Amino acid sequence: MKYLIVIFSALLVVACKKEQPNVLTTTPKDSLNIVQDSAKVESSGKILVETIAFPKEIKECSCYFAKSKADFEAEKYIYADDAGKTAYMKLDGKRLAMNLISSSDMEADELLTKEIENDDYKISVKGKKIKGEEALLFEGTITIEKPDGTVITLPIYGECGC
């Protein structure tokens, strides 16, 4: 009879025990899911814009921009072009060299506009001259659009000059 009471009590304690949530299995999901292997980068509706070193391909006149004045001074550029033919960016993990479709005359205008397009992205750069000496300083925005309709607009700060 003693054993029966002990077994019954043990069953009662086990049956009434509340289940605790497992901390390891309840981690929150991140809205940006980046899966990177040697072949592809998935960004689930986002466009990943990374900094680039100043391109070695640019030899003379150029425009180059960062997200802010502080990033510009720290040489953390997100965009660079050779002021005429080719624009350079790192998007979704890939360094790209893209053909400029159109570009405004920086010397004559207070406003800067550039259009870049390839099979994967359509990029529009718009800026307003804030200082003009040997090199022209601009503030503005860069808008990047993918064929699937994903669009991102970022502030830019940088300069154009020879």
N, C-alpha and C. Protein backbone atom coordinates (compact mmCIF):
# COMPACT_ATOMS: atom_id res chain seq x y z
N MET A 1 0.82 -1.17 0.00
CA MET A 1 0.00 0.00 0.00
C MET A 1 0.88 1.26 0.00
N LYS A 2 1.99 1.23 0.71
CA LYS A 2 2.91 2.35 0.75
C LYS A 2 3.43 2.67 -0.65
N TYR A 3 3.78 1.63 -1.40
CA TYR A 3 4.30 1.83 -2.74
C TYR A 3 3.24 2.43 -3.65
N LEU A 4 2.02 2.04 -3.48
CA LEU A 4 0.91 2.54 -4.30
C LEU A 4 0.70 4.04 -4.06
N ILE A 5 0.81 4.49 -2.83
CA ILE A 5 0.66 5.92 -2.51
C ILE A 5 1.81 6.71 -3.11
N VAL A 6 3.03 6.19 -3.04
CA VAL A 6 4.20 6.89 -3.58
C VAL A 6 4.08 6.99 -5.11
N ILE A 7 3.70 5.92 -5.76
CA ILE A 7 3.56 5.93 -7.22
C ILE A 7 2.45 6.88 -7.63
N PHE A 8 1.32 6.84 -6.93
CA PHE A 8 0.20 7.72 -7.25
C PHE A 8 0.60 9.18 -7.06
N SER A 9 1.33 9.50 -6.00
CA SER A 9 1.78 10.87 -5.75
C SER A 9 2.74 11.34 -6.85
N ALA A 10 3.63 10.46 -7.27
CA ALA A 10 4.59 10.80 -8.32
C ALA A 10 3.86 11.08 -9.64
N LEU A 11 2.88 10.26 -9.96
CA LEU A 11 2.09 10.48 -11.18
C LEU A 11 1.33 11.80 -11.11
N LEU A 12 0.80 12.13 -9.96
CA LEU A 12 0.05 13.37 -9.79
C LEU A 12 0.95 14.60 -9.97
N VAL A 13 2.16 14.55 -9.43
CA VAL A 13 3.11 15.65 -9.56
C VAL A 13 3.51 15.83 -11.02
N VAL A 14 3.81 14.75 -11.72
CA VAL A 14 4.22 14.82 -13.12
C VAL A 14 3.07 15.32 -13.99
N ALA A 15 1.86 14.88 -13.74
CA ALA A 15 0.71 15.26 -14.54
C ALA A 15 0.36 16.73 -14.37
N CYS A 16 0.62 17.32 -13.21
CA CYS A 16 0.26 18.71 -12.94
C CYS A 16 1.37 19.70 -13.31
N LYS A 17 2.51 19.21 -13.71
CA LYS A 17 3.64 20.09 -14.02
C LYS A 17 3.33 20.86 -15.30
N LYS A 18 3.49 22.21 -15.25
CA LYS A 18 3.27 23.05 -16.43
C LYS A 18 4.47 22.93 -17.35
N GLU A 19 4.19 22.98 -18.65
CA GLU A 19 5.28 22.91 -19.62
C GLU A 19 5.88 24.29 -19.78
N GLN A 20 7.20 24.37 -19.62
CA GLN A 20 7.93 25.62 -19.76
C GLN A 20 8.32 25.81 -21.23
N PRO A 21 8.20 27.05 -21.76
CA PRO A 21 8.65 27.25 -23.15
C PRO A 21 10.17 27.13 -23.23
N ASN A 22 10.63 26.52 -24.27
CA ASN A 22 12.06 26.35 -24.48
C ASN A 22 12.62 27.65 -25.05
N VAL A 23 13.52 28.28 -24.34
CA VAL A 23 14.07 29.57 -24.72
C VAL A 23 14.79 29.47 -26.07
N LEU A 24 15.43 28.38 -26.34
CA LEU A 24 16.20 28.24 -27.57
C LEU A 24 15.31 28.15 -28.80
N THR A 25 14.07 27.67 -28.65
CA THR A 25 13.21 27.53 -29.82
C THR A 25 12.27 28.71 -30.02
N THR A 26 12.32 29.72 -29.16
CA THR A 26 11.41 30.85 -29.31
C THR A 26 12.13 32.14 -29.67
N THR A 27 13.23 32.03 -30.42
CA THR A 27 13.94 33.24 -30.84
C THR A 27 13.12 33.96 -31.90
N PRO A 28 13.07 35.29 -31.85
CA PRO A 28 12.27 36.04 -32.81
C PRO A 28 12.87 35.95 -34.20
N LYS A 29 11.98 35.98 -35.20
CA LYS A 29 12.42 35.95 -36.59
C LYS A 29 12.80 37.36 -37.02
N ASP A 30 13.87 37.49 -37.78
CA ASP A 30 14.31 38.77 -38.31
C ASP A 30 13.56 39.02 -39.61
N SER A 31 13.19 40.27 -39.86
CA SER A 31 12.46 40.59 -41.08
C SER A 31 13.35 40.52 -42.31
N LEU A 32 14.64 40.61 -42.14
CA LEU A 32 15.57 40.53 -43.26
C LEU A 32 16.28 39.19 -43.19
N ASN A 33 16.02 38.34 -44.16
CA ASN A 33 16.60 37.00 -44.18
C ASN A 33 17.66 36.96 -45.27
N ILE A 34 18.91 36.99 -44.88
CA ILE A 34 20.01 36.97 -45.85
C ILE A 34 20.66 35.60 -45.78
N VAL A 35 20.59 34.89 -46.89
CA VAL A 35 21.23 33.59 -47.00
C VAL A 35 22.34 33.77 -48.01
N GLN A 36 23.58 33.62 -47.56
CA GLN A 36 24.69 33.87 -48.47
C GLN A 36 25.55 32.63 -48.59
N ASP A 37 25.64 32.17 -49.82
CA ASP A 37 26.62 31.15 -50.11
C ASP A 37 27.38 31.63 -51.33
N SER A 38 28.14 30.78 -51.95
CA SER A 38 28.97 31.23 -53.07
C SER A 38 28.15 31.61 -54.29
N ALA A 39 26.87 31.26 -54.32
CA ALA A 39 26.09 31.48 -55.53
C ALA A 39 25.12 32.66 -55.44
N LYS A 40 24.45 32.87 -54.31
CA LYS A 40 23.40 33.89 -54.31
C LYS A 40 23.19 34.52 -52.95
N VAL A 41 22.52 35.68 -52.97
CA VAL A 41 22.14 36.38 -51.76
C VAL A 41 20.64 36.63 -51.86
N GLU A 42 19.87 36.14 -50.90
CA GLU A 42 18.45 36.41 -50.86
C GLU A 42 18.21 37.52 -49.86
N SER A 43 17.37 38.47 -50.22
CA SER A 43 17.12 39.56 -49.30
C SER A 43 15.64 39.85 -49.12
N SER A 44 14.79 38.92 -49.41
CA SER A 44 13.34 38.97 -49.22
C SER A 44 12.75 40.37 -49.30
N GLY A 45 12.73 40.91 -50.50
CA GLY A 45 12.08 42.19 -50.72
C GLY A 45 12.92 43.41 -50.37
N LYS A 46 14.14 43.24 -50.01
CA LYS A 46 15.02 44.35 -49.67
C LYS A 46 16.16 44.41 -50.69
N ILE A 47 16.83 45.55 -50.72
CA ILE A 47 18.03 45.69 -51.54
C ILE A 47 19.17 46.01 -50.58
N LEU A 48 20.16 45.16 -50.58
CA LEU A 48 21.31 45.34 -49.71
C LEU A 48 22.32 46.23 -50.41
N VAL A 49 22.60 47.41 -49.83
CA VAL A 49 23.55 48.36 -50.39
C VAL A 49 24.76 48.37 -49.46
N GLU A 50 25.92 48.01 -50.01
CA GLU A 50 27.14 47.93 -49.21
C GLU A 50 28.14 48.99 -49.65
N THR A 51 29.09 49.29 -48.77
CA THR A 51 30.11 50.28 -49.11
C THR A 51 31.14 49.65 -50.05
N ILE A 52 31.80 50.53 -50.81
CA ILE A 52 32.84 50.09 -51.74
C ILE A 52 34.08 50.96 -51.54
N ALA A 53 35.21 50.39 -51.87
CA ALA A 53 36.44 51.19 -51.93
C ALA A 53 36.37 52.01 -53.22
N PHE A 54 37.10 53.12 -53.26
CA PHE A 54 37.10 53.92 -54.48
C PHE A 54 37.63 53.06 -55.62
N PRO A 55 36.87 52.93 -56.71
CA PRO A 55 37.25 52.01 -57.79
C PRO A 55 38.58 52.38 -58.45
N LYS A 56 39.44 51.38 -58.63
CA LYS A 56 40.74 51.58 -59.28
C LYS A 56 40.57 51.91 -60.76
N GLU A 57 39.41 51.53 -61.32
CA GLU A 57 39.16 51.78 -62.75
C GLU A 57 39.01 53.27 -63.06
N ILE A 58 38.66 54.08 -62.05
CA ILE A 58 38.45 55.51 -62.27
C ILE A 58 39.80 56.21 -62.19
N LYS A 59 40.17 56.88 -63.29
CA LYS A 59 41.49 57.51 -63.38
C LYS A 59 41.44 59.03 -63.29
N GLU A 60 40.36 59.66 -63.77
CA GLU A 60 40.34 61.12 -63.80
C GLU A 60 39.09 61.65 -63.12
N CYS A 61 38.22 62.30 -63.88
CA CYS A 61 37.01 62.91 -63.31
C CYS A 61 36.09 61.84 -62.73
N SER A 62 35.41 62.19 -61.63
CA SER A 62 34.56 61.21 -60.98
C SER A 62 33.53 61.88 -60.08
N CYS A 63 32.51 61.10 -59.75
CA CYS A 63 31.53 61.45 -58.72
C CYS A 63 31.51 60.27 -57.75
N TYR A 64 31.47 60.56 -56.47
CA TYR A 64 31.40 59.48 -55.49
C TYR A 64 30.62 59.97 -54.28
N PHE A 65 29.77 59.07 -53.77
CA PHE A 65 28.83 59.43 -52.71
C PHE A 65 28.80 58.40 -51.60
N ALA A 66 28.51 58.88 -50.40
CA ALA A 66 28.29 58.04 -49.22
C ALA A 66 26.88 58.35 -48.71
N LYS A 67 26.45 57.63 -47.68
CA LYS A 67 25.11 57.85 -47.11
C LYS A 67 25.03 59.13 -46.28
N SER A 68 26.17 59.63 -45.81
CA SER A 68 26.16 60.82 -44.95
C SER A 68 27.52 61.52 -45.07
N LYS A 69 27.58 62.73 -44.51
CA LYS A 69 28.85 63.47 -44.52
C LYS A 69 29.91 62.71 -43.72
N ALA A 70 29.50 62.13 -42.58
CA ALA A 70 30.45 61.37 -41.75
C ALA A 70 30.99 60.16 -42.51
N ASP A 71 30.11 59.42 -43.20
CA ASP A 71 30.56 58.28 -43.98
C ASP A 71 31.46 58.73 -45.14
N PHE A 72 31.13 59.87 -45.74
CA PHE A 72 31.94 60.39 -46.84
C PHE A 72 33.35 60.71 -46.35
N GLU A 73 33.44 61.36 -45.20
CA GLU A 73 34.75 61.70 -44.64
C GLU A 73 35.53 60.45 -44.24
N ALA A 74 34.81 59.37 -43.90
CA ALA A 74 35.45 58.10 -43.55
C ALA A 74 35.68 57.22 -44.79
N GLU A 75 35.38 57.76 -45.98
CA GLU A 75 35.55 57.06 -47.26
C GLU A 75 34.74 55.78 -47.34
N LYS A 76 33.51 55.81 -46.80
CA LYS A 76 32.58 54.67 -46.88
C LYS A 76 31.58 54.95 -47.99
N TYR A 77 32.05 54.84 -49.23
CA TYR A 77 31.23 55.18 -50.39
C TYR A 77 30.26 54.06 -50.74
N ILE A 78 29.07 54.46 -51.22
CA ILE A 78 28.11 53.48 -51.72
C ILE A 78 27.95 53.58 -53.23
N TYR A 79 28.51 54.64 -53.82
CA TYR A 79 28.37 54.87 -55.26
C TYR A 79 29.60 55.62 -55.77
N ALA A 80 30.05 55.28 -56.95
CA ALA A 80 31.11 56.03 -57.62
C ALA A 80 30.92 55.88 -59.12
N ASP A 81 31.26 56.94 -59.87
CA ASP A 81 31.25 56.84 -61.33
C ASP A 81 32.40 57.65 -61.90
N ASP A 82 32.67 57.38 -63.17
CA ASP A 82 33.78 58.07 -63.83
C ASP A 82 33.31 59.32 -64.57
N ALA A 83 32.23 59.90 -64.11
CA ALA A 83 31.67 61.14 -64.65
C ALA A 83 31.38 61.04 -66.14
N GLY A 84 30.85 59.90 -66.57
CA GLY A 84 30.51 59.81 -67.97
C GLY A 84 30.04 58.47 -68.47
N LYS A 85 30.75 57.38 -68.13
CA LYS A 85 30.43 56.10 -68.74
C LYS A 85 29.97 55.02 -67.77
N THR A 86 30.68 54.84 -66.67
CA THR A 86 30.46 53.67 -65.82
C THR A 86 30.24 54.06 -64.37
N ALA A 87 29.23 53.42 -63.75
CA ALA A 87 28.93 53.62 -62.33
C ALA A 87 29.25 52.32 -61.59
N TYR A 88 29.73 52.45 -60.34
CA TYR A 88 30.12 51.30 -59.53
C TYR A 88 29.35 51.31 -58.21
N MET A 89 28.79 50.14 -57.85
CA MET A 89 28.09 49.96 -56.58
C MET A 89 28.23 48.50 -56.16
N LYS A 90 27.94 48.24 -54.88
CA LYS A 90 27.86 46.87 -54.40
C LYS A 90 26.44 46.66 -53.89
N LEU A 91 25.67 45.88 -54.67
CA LEU A 91 24.27 45.65 -54.36
C LEU A 91 24.01 44.16 -54.19
N ASP A 92 23.29 43.81 -53.14
CA ASP A 92 22.93 42.43 -52.85
C ASP A 92 24.16 41.50 -52.89
N GLY A 93 25.29 42.00 -52.37
CA GLY A 93 26.49 41.19 -52.25
C GLY A 93 27.37 41.14 -53.49
N LYS A 94 26.98 41.84 -54.56
CA LYS A 94 27.76 41.79 -55.80
C LYS A 94 28.28 43.18 -56.16
N ARG A 95 29.58 43.27 -56.47
CA ARG A 95 30.14 44.53 -56.96
C ARG A 95 29.78 44.65 -58.43
N LEU A 96 29.14 45.77 -58.78
CA LEU A 96 28.65 45.96 -60.14
C LEU A 96 29.32 47.14 -60.81
N ALA A 97 29.59 46.99 -62.10
CA ALA A 97 30.01 48.09 -62.96
C ALA A 97 28.91 48.23 -64.00
N MET A 98 28.19 49.36 -63.97
CA MET A 98 27.01 49.55 -64.81
C MET A 98 27.18 50.77 -65.71
N ASN A 99 26.57 50.71 -66.88
CA ASN A 99 26.65 51.82 -67.82
C ASN A 99 25.72 52.95 -67.40
N LEU A 100 26.25 54.17 -67.41
CA LEU A 100 25.43 55.36 -67.19
C LEU A 100 24.59 55.58 -68.44
N ILE A 101 23.29 55.79 -68.26
CA ILE A 101 22.41 56.08 -69.38
C ILE A 101 22.39 57.58 -69.65
N SER A 102 22.28 58.36 -68.57
CA SER A 102 22.29 59.82 -68.72
C SER A 102 22.90 60.45 -67.47
N SER A 103 23.46 61.63 -67.68
CA SER A 103 24.07 62.37 -66.58
C SER A 103 24.01 63.85 -66.91
N SER A 104 23.64 64.66 -65.92
CA SER A 104 23.58 66.11 -66.15
C SER A 104 24.98 66.70 -66.15
N ASP A 105 25.10 67.90 -66.72
CA ASP A 105 26.37 68.62 -66.74
C ASP A 105 26.56 69.27 -65.38
N MET A 106 27.50 68.76 -64.61
CA MET A 106 27.69 69.22 -63.23
C MET A 106 28.16 70.66 -63.16
N GLU A 107 28.93 71.11 -64.13
CA GLU A 107 29.47 72.47 -64.09
C GLU A 107 28.37 73.52 -64.29
N ALA A 108 27.42 73.22 -65.18
CA ALA A 108 26.41 74.21 -65.57
C ALA A 108 25.21 74.23 -64.63
N ASP A 109 24.93 73.11 -63.99
CA ASP A 109 23.68 72.99 -63.21
C ASP A 109 23.92 73.03 -61.72
N GLU A 110 22.90 73.52 -61.02
CA GLU A 110 22.88 73.43 -59.56
C GLU A 110 22.41 72.04 -59.14
N LEU A 111 21.69 71.36 -60.06
CA LEU A 111 21.15 70.04 -59.78
C LEU A 111 21.94 68.97 -60.52
N LEU A 112 22.10 67.84 -59.87
CA LEU A 112 22.81 66.70 -60.44
C LEU A 112 21.79 65.59 -60.67
N THR A 113 21.76 65.01 -61.85
CA THR A 113 20.92 63.84 -62.11
C THR A 113 21.72 62.82 -62.89
N LYS A 114 21.51 61.56 -62.52
CA LYS A 114 22.17 60.45 -63.21
C LYS A 114 21.18 59.30 -63.27
N GLU A 115 21.18 58.61 -64.39
CA GLU A 115 20.33 57.44 -64.57
C GLU A 115 21.22 56.27 -64.96
N ILE A 116 21.07 55.15 -64.26
CA ILE A 116 21.85 53.95 -64.51
C ILE A 116 20.87 52.79 -64.58
N GLU A 117 21.08 51.89 -65.51
CA GLU A 117 20.16 50.76 -65.62
C GLU A 117 20.89 49.55 -66.17
N ASN A 118 20.56 48.38 -65.61
CA ASN A 118 21.00 47.11 -66.17
C ASN A 118 19.84 46.13 -66.03
N ASP A 119 20.08 44.85 -66.26
CA ASP A 119 18.98 43.87 -66.20
C ASP A 119 18.39 43.73 -64.80
N ASP A 120 19.19 43.99 -63.74
CA ASP A 120 18.75 43.74 -62.37
C ASP A 120 18.34 44.99 -61.60
N TYR A 121 18.78 46.18 -62.02
CA TYR A 121 18.53 47.38 -61.24
C TYR A 121 18.30 48.60 -62.14
N LYS A 122 17.49 49.51 -61.66
CA LYS A 122 17.34 50.84 -62.26
C LYS A 122 17.69 51.82 -61.14
N ILE A 123 18.67 52.67 -61.39
CA ILE A 123 19.19 53.56 -60.34
C ILE A 123 19.06 55.00 -60.80
N SER A 124 18.57 55.83 -59.88
CA SER A 124 18.43 57.25 -60.15
C SER A 124 19.13 58.04 -59.05
N VAL A 125 20.06 58.91 -59.44
CA VAL A 125 20.79 59.76 -58.50
C VAL A 125 20.33 61.19 -58.71
N LYS A 126 19.92 61.84 -57.63
CA LYS A 126 19.49 63.23 -57.70
C LYS A 126 20.16 63.99 -56.57
N GLY A 127 20.78 65.11 -56.92
CA GLY A 127 21.46 65.89 -55.90
C GLY A 127 21.40 67.37 -56.19
N LYS A 128 21.66 68.14 -55.15
CA LYS A 128 21.69 69.60 -55.26
C LYS A 128 23.07 70.06 -54.80
N LYS A 129 23.65 70.97 -55.58
CA LYS A 129 24.98 71.46 -55.25
C LYS A 129 24.92 72.26 -53.95
N ILE A 130 25.79 71.94 -53.00
CA ILE A 130 25.83 72.68 -51.74
C ILE A 130 27.10 73.50 -51.61
N LYS A 131 28.09 73.19 -52.45
CA LYS A 131 29.34 73.94 -52.41
C LYS A 131 30.06 73.70 -53.73
N GLY A 132 30.60 74.75 -54.32
CA GLY A 132 31.28 74.57 -55.59
C GLY A 132 32.60 75.30 -55.65
N GLU A 133 33.66 74.55 -55.62
CA GLU A 133 35.01 75.11 -55.77
C GLU A 133 35.71 74.24 -56.81
N GLU A 134 36.85 73.69 -56.46
CA GLU A 134 37.54 72.78 -57.38
C GLU A 134 36.71 71.51 -57.57
N ALA A 135 36.23 70.96 -56.47
CA ALA A 135 35.31 69.83 -56.51
C ALA A 135 33.94 70.34 -56.06
N LEU A 136 32.88 69.80 -56.65
CA LEU A 136 31.53 70.24 -56.33
C LEU A 136 30.91 69.28 -55.32
N LEU A 137 30.43 69.80 -54.20
CA LEU A 137 29.78 68.97 -53.18
C LEU A 137 28.27 68.93 -53.44
N PHE A 138 27.69 67.73 -53.27
CA PHE A 138 26.27 67.53 -53.50
C PHE A 138 25.64 66.78 -52.33
N GLU A 139 24.37 67.09 -52.07
CA GLU A 139 23.51 66.31 -51.18
C GLU A 139 22.29 65.93 -51.98
N GLY A 140 21.76 64.74 -51.71
CA GLY A 140 20.57 64.32 -52.45
C GLY A 140 20.13 62.93 -52.06
N THR A 141 19.61 62.21 -53.06
CA THR A 141 19.12 60.85 -52.82
C THR A 141 19.54 59.94 -53.97
N ILE A 142 19.60 58.67 -53.65
CA ILE A 142 19.79 57.63 -54.66
C ILE A 142 18.63 56.67 -54.51
N THR A 143 17.96 56.37 -55.61
CA THR A 143 16.83 55.45 -55.60
C THR A 143 17.21 54.24 -56.44
N ILE A 144 17.04 53.06 -55.86
CA ILE A 144 17.40 51.81 -56.52
C ILE A 144 16.13 50.98 -56.62
N GLU A 145 15.85 50.49 -57.82
CA GLU A 145 14.63 49.72 -58.07
C GLU A 145 14.98 48.41 -58.76
N LYS A 146 14.32 47.33 -58.32
CA LYS A 146 14.48 46.02 -58.94
C LYS A 146 13.27 45.74 -59.82
N PRO A 147 13.41 44.84 -60.80
CA PRO A 147 12.27 44.51 -61.67
C PRO A 147 11.06 43.97 -60.91
N ASP A 148 11.26 43.37 -59.74
CA ASP A 148 10.13 42.83 -58.97
C ASP A 148 9.34 43.92 -58.24
N GLY A 149 9.75 45.19 -58.39
CA GLY A 149 9.04 46.30 -57.76
C GLY A 149 9.65 46.77 -56.46
N THR A 150 10.65 46.09 -55.95
CA THR A 150 11.33 46.50 -54.73
C THR A 150 12.07 47.82 -54.99
N VAL A 151 11.85 48.80 -54.10
CA VAL A 151 12.48 50.12 -54.25
C VAL A 151 13.08 50.54 -52.92
N ILE A 152 14.26 51.14 -52.98
CA ILE A 152 14.89 51.70 -51.78
C ILE A 152 15.44 53.07 -52.16
N THR A 153 15.25 54.04 -51.27
CA THR A 153 15.79 55.39 -51.46
C THR A 153 16.66 55.73 -50.26
N LEU A 154 17.89 56.16 -50.54
CA LEU A 154 18.84 56.49 -49.48
C LEU A 154 19.34 57.90 -49.68
N PRO A 155 19.68 58.58 -48.57
CA PRO A 155 20.32 59.89 -48.71
C PRO A 155 21.75 59.71 -49.19
N ILE A 156 22.26 60.71 -49.92
CA ILE A 156 23.66 60.67 -50.34
C ILE A 156 24.33 62.01 -50.08
N TYR A 157 25.64 61.95 -49.89
CA TYR A 157 26.47 63.12 -49.71
C TYR A 157 27.79 62.81 -50.40
N GLY A 158 28.24 63.72 -51.25
CA GLY A 158 29.51 63.43 -51.91
C GLY A 158 29.94 64.54 -52.84
N GLU A 159 30.90 64.19 -53.69
CA GLU A 159 31.45 65.22 -54.57
C GLU A 159 31.69 64.69 -55.97
N CYS A 160 31.76 65.66 -56.89
CA CYS A 160 32.10 65.39 -58.27
C CYS A 160 33.22 66.35 -58.64
N GLY A 161 34.18 65.87 -59.37
CA GLY A 161 35.27 66.76 -59.79
C GLY A 161 36.35 66.01 -60.54
N CYS A 162 37.33 66.78 -60.98
CA CYS A 162 38.45 66.21 -61.75
C CYS A 162 39.76 66.42 -61.00
